[in-house]
């Protein structure tokens, strides 16, 4: 197998991630860039990046960790309902993913607070 170098960046953005990718179409580089955006509280970029990653025709099916990351970014942005959807999708793939379960519980609690009179 031939190793490939993948460079991830956004135009006009100083953030750049270089990853050696041993298998084409692996999710790790894209997931890592999403994590960086989330850590920097660049929620719009994180959400846009994750949407683009899932929309790619050559992308692998979504995995639980990527969906959880997507859900966290949505929740931090205030889009609780969509975040809950992503956490539930993650748990359908991996019902034992504690991070997704904890974030789902937090988001459901937050939604309850928003809907309380």
C-alpha atoms as a PDB file:
ATOM      1  CA  UNK A   1       0.000   0.000   0.000  1.00  0.00           C
ATOM      2  CA  UNK A   2       1.305   3.408  -0.955  1.00  0.00           C
ATOM      3  CA  UNK A   3       1.212   6.131   1.685  1.00  0.00           C
ATOM      4  CA  UNK A   4      -0.418   9.378   0.683  1.00  0.00           C
ATOM      5  CA  UNK A   5       0.055  12.766   2.265  1.00  0.00           C
ATOM      6  CA  UNK A   6      -3.150  14.687   2.782  1.00  0.00           C
ATOM      7  CA  UNK A   7      -3.129  18.411   3.408  1.00  0.00           C
ATOM      8  CA  UNK A   8      -6.268  19.877   4.917  1.00  0.00           C
ATOM      9  CA  UNK A   9      -6.808  23.620   4.991  1.00  0.00           C
ATOM     10  CA  UNK A  10      -9.410  26.276   4.380  1.00  0.00           C
ATOM     11  CA  UNK A  11      -8.727  29.057   1.898  1.00  0.00           C
ATOM     12  CA  UNK A  12      -7.602  32.197   3.681  1.00  0.00           C
ATOM     13  CA  UNK A  13      -7.177  30.258   6.896  1.00  0.00           C
ATOM     14  CA  UNK A  14      -3.875  29.877   8.704  1.00  0.00           C
ATOM     15  CA  UNK A  15      -4.940  26.493  10.067  1.00  0.00           C
ATOM     16  CA  UNK A  16      -3.335  23.669   8.123  1.00  0.00           C
ATOM     17  CA  UNK A  17      -3.089  20.002   8.992  1.00  0.00           C
ATOM     18  CA  UNK A  18      -0.796  17.584   7.194  1.00  0.00           C
ATOM     19  CA  UNK A  19      -1.511  13.896   7.665  1.00  0.00           C
ATOM     20  CA  UNK A  20       0.093  10.802   6.201  1.00  0.00           C
ATOM     21  CA  UNK A  21      -2.824   8.733   5.026  1.00  0.00           C
ATOM     22  CA  UNK A  22      -2.118   5.083   4.311  1.00  0.00           C
ATOM     23  CA  UNK A  23      -5.553   4.321   2.872  1.00  0.00           C
ATOM     24  CA  UNK A  24      -7.524   6.549   0.516  1.00  0.00           C
ATOM     25  CA  UNK A  25     -10.794   8.006   1.775  1.00  0.00           C
ATOM     26  CA  UNK A  26      -9.999   7.477   5.459  1.00  0.00           C
ATOM     27  CA  UNK A  27     -11.923   9.726   7.795  1.00  0.00           C
ATOM     28  CA  UNK A  28      -9.175  10.516  10.323  1.00  0.00           C
ATOM     29  CA  UNK A  29      -7.756  13.643   8.633  1.00  0.00           C
ATOM     30  CA  UNK A  30     -11.196  15.183   8.181  1.00  0.00           C
ATOM     31  CA  UNK A  31     -12.239  14.267  11.708  1.00  0.00           C
ATOM     32  CA  UNK A  32      -9.058  15.773  13.148  1.00  0.00           C
ATOM     33  CA  UNK A  33      -9.620  19.077  11.357  1.00  0.00           C
ATOM     34  CA  UNK A  34     -13.171  19.157  12.718  1.00  0.00           C
ATOM     35  CA  UNK A  35     -11.786  18.569  16.225  1.00  0.00           C
ATOM     36  CA  UNK A  36      -9.344  21.454  15.811  1.00  0.00           C
ATOM     37  CA  UNK A  37     -12.105  23.810  14.722  1.00  0.00           C
ATOM     38  CA  UNK A  38     -14.214  22.722  17.696  1.00  0.00           C
ATOM     39  CA  UNK A  39     -11.346  23.208  20.155  1.00  0.00           C
ATOM     40  CA  UNK A  40     -10.868  26.723  18.792  1.00  0.00           C
ATOM     41  CA  UNK A  41     -14.619  27.400  19.141  1.00  0.00           C
ATOM     42  CA  UNK A  42     -14.817  27.998  15.389  1.00  0.00           C
ATOM     43  CA  UNK A  43     -18.245  26.412  15.320  1.00  0.00           C
ATOM     44  CA  UNK A  44     -19.385  27.612  11.895  1.00  0.00           C
ATOM     45  CA  UNK A  45     -16.230  26.219  10.285  1.00  0.00           C
ATOM     46  CA  UNK A  46     -16.528  22.959  12.210  1.00  0.00           C
ATOM     47  CA  UNK A  47     -20.154  22.463  11.188  1.00  0.00           C
ATOM     48  CA  UNK A  48     -19.500  23.419   7.575  1.00  0.00           C
ATOM     49  CA  UNK A  49     -16.489  21.098   7.477  1.00  0.00           C
ATOM     50  CA  UNK A  50     -18.427  18.154   8.912  1.00  0.00           C
ATOM     51  CA  UNK A  51     -21.356  18.737   6.532  1.00  0.00           C
ATOM     52  CA  UNK A  52     -18.951  18.814   3.582  1.00  0.00           C
ATOM     53  CA  UNK A  53     -17.177  15.688   4.804  1.00  0.00           C
ATOM     54  CA  UNK A  54     -20.424  13.717   5.056  1.00  0.00           C
ATOM     55  CA  UNK A  55     -21.686  15.068   1.717  1.00  0.00           C
ATOM     56  CA  UNK A  56     -18.647  13.906  -0.274  1.00  0.00           C
ATOM     57  CA  UNK A  57     -19.627  11.129  -2.656  1.00  0.00           C
ATOM     58  CA  UNK A  58     -16.412   9.218  -1.949  1.00  0.00           C
ATOM     59  CA  UNK A  59     -16.711   9.509   1.843  1.00  0.00           C
ATOM     60  CA  UNK A  60     -17.064   6.510   4.077  1.00  0.00           C
ATOM     61  CA  UNK A  61     -20.370   6.099   5.901  1.00  0.00           C
ATOM     62  CA  UNK A  62     -20.574   8.287   9.022  1.00  0.00           C
ATOM     63  CA  UNK A  63     -18.996   6.862  12.153  1.00  0.00           C
ATOM     64  CA  UNK A  64     -20.092   7.403  15.740  1.00  0.00           C
ATOM     65  CA  UNK A  65     -17.156   9.626  16.733  1.00  0.00           C
ATOM     66  CA  UNK A  66     -17.620  11.936  13.746  1.00  0.00           C
ATOM     67  CA  UNK A  67     -21.353  12.234  14.387  1.00  0.00           C
ATOM     68  CA  UNK A  68     -20.696  13.003  18.051  1.00  0.00           C
ATOM     69  CA  UNK A  69     -18.219  15.733  17.118  1.00  0.00           C
ATOM     70  CA  UNK A  70     -20.771  17.163  14.710  1.00  0.00           C
ATOM     71  CA  UNK A  71     -23.425  17.074  17.446  1.00  0.00           C
ATOM     72  CA  UNK A  72     -21.182  18.848  19.962  1.00  0.00           C
ATOM     73  CA  UNK A  73     -20.531  21.681  17.494  1.00  0.00           C
ATOM     74  CA  UNK A  74     -24.257  22.003  16.790  1.00  0.00           C
ATOM     75  CA  UNK A  75     -25.094  22.017  20.509  1.00  0.00           C
ATOM     76  CA  UNK A  76     -22.500  24.704  21.248  1.00  0.00           C
ATOM     77  CA  UNK A  77     -23.981  26.775  18.449  1.00  0.00           C
ATOM     78  CA  UNK A  78     -27.406  26.454  20.058  1.00  0.00           C
ATOM     79  CA  UNK A  79     -28.899  24.062  17.512  1.00  0.00           C
ATOM     80  CA  UNK A  80     -30.007  21.569  20.169  1.00  0.00           C
ATOM     81  CA  UNK A  81     -32.560  19.665  18.102  1.00  0.00           C
ATOM     82  CA  UNK A  82     -30.128  18.947  15.290  1.00  0.00           C
ATOM     83  CA  UNK A  83     -27.430  18.039  17.846  1.00  0.00           C
ATOM     84  CA  UNK A  84     -29.788  15.489  19.419  1.00  0.00           C
ATOM     85  CA  UNK A  85     -30.316  13.946  15.980  1.00  0.00           C
ATOM     86  CA  UNK A  86     -26.557  13.549  15.496  1.00  0.00           C
ATOM     87  CA  UNK A  87     -26.049  12.036  18.973  1.00  0.00           C
ATOM     88  CA  UNK A  88     -28.862   9.546  18.307  1.00  0.00           C
ATOM     89  CA  UNK A  89     -27.344   8.636  14.930  1.00  0.00           C
ATOM     90  CA  UNK A  90     -24.003   8.057  16.669  1.00  0.00           C
ATOM     91  CA  UNK A  91     -25.631   5.805  19.248  1.00  0.00           C
ATOM     92  CA  UNK A  92     -27.351   3.788  16.534  1.00  0.00           C
ATOM     93  CA  UNK A  93     -23.912   3.014  15.136  1.00  0.00           C
ATOM     94  CA  UNK A  94     -22.244   2.460  18.515  1.00  0.00           C
ATOM     95  CA  UNK A  95     -24.688   2.167  21.438  1.00  0.00           C
ATOM     96  CA  UNK A  96     -21.797   1.953  23.910  1.00  0.00           C
ATOM     97  CA  UNK A  97     -20.181   5.269  23.000  1.00  0.00           C
ATOM     98  CA  UNK A  98     -20.279   7.038  26.364  1.00  0.00           C
ATOM     99  CA  UNK A  99     -19.402  10.449  24.920  1.00  0.00           C
ATOM    100  CA  UNK A 100     -22.415  10.373  22.604  1.00  0.00           C
ATOM    101  CA  UNK A 101     -24.700   9.187  25.411  1.00  0.00           C
ATOM    102  CA  UNK A 102     -23.519  11.897  27.814  1.00  0.00           C
ATOM    103  CA  UNK A 103     -23.883  14.603  25.181  1.00  0.00           C
ATOM    104  CA  UNK A 104     -27.350  13.332  24.256  1.00  0.00           C
ATOM    105  CA  UNK A 105     -28.441  13.515  27.899  1.00  0.00           C
ATOM    106  CA  UNK A 106     -27.028  17.059  28.199  1.00  0.00           C
ATOM    107  CA  UNK A 107     -28.757  18.180  25.005  1.00  0.00           C
ATOM    108  CA  UNK A 108     -32.092  16.673  26.054  1.00  0.00           C
ATOM    109  CA  UNK A 109     -31.789  18.441  29.410  1.00  0.00           C
ATOM    110  CA  UNK A 110     -30.999  21.722  27.663  1.00  0.00           C
ATOM    111  CA  UNK A 111     -33.958  21.269  25.334  1.00  0.00           C
ATOM    112  CA  UNK A 112     -36.199  20.689  28.364  1.00  0.00           C
ATOM    113  CA  UNK A 113     -34.957  23.931  29.920  1.00  0.00           C
ATOM    114  CA  UNK A 114     -35.653  25.846  26.707  1.00  0.00           C
ATOM    115  CA  UNK A 115     -39.189  24.493  26.494  1.00  0.00           C
ATOM    116  CA  UNK A 116     -40.038  25.113  30.183  1.00  0.00           C
ATOM    117  CA  UNK A 117     -42.317  28.124  30.781  1.00  0.00           C
END
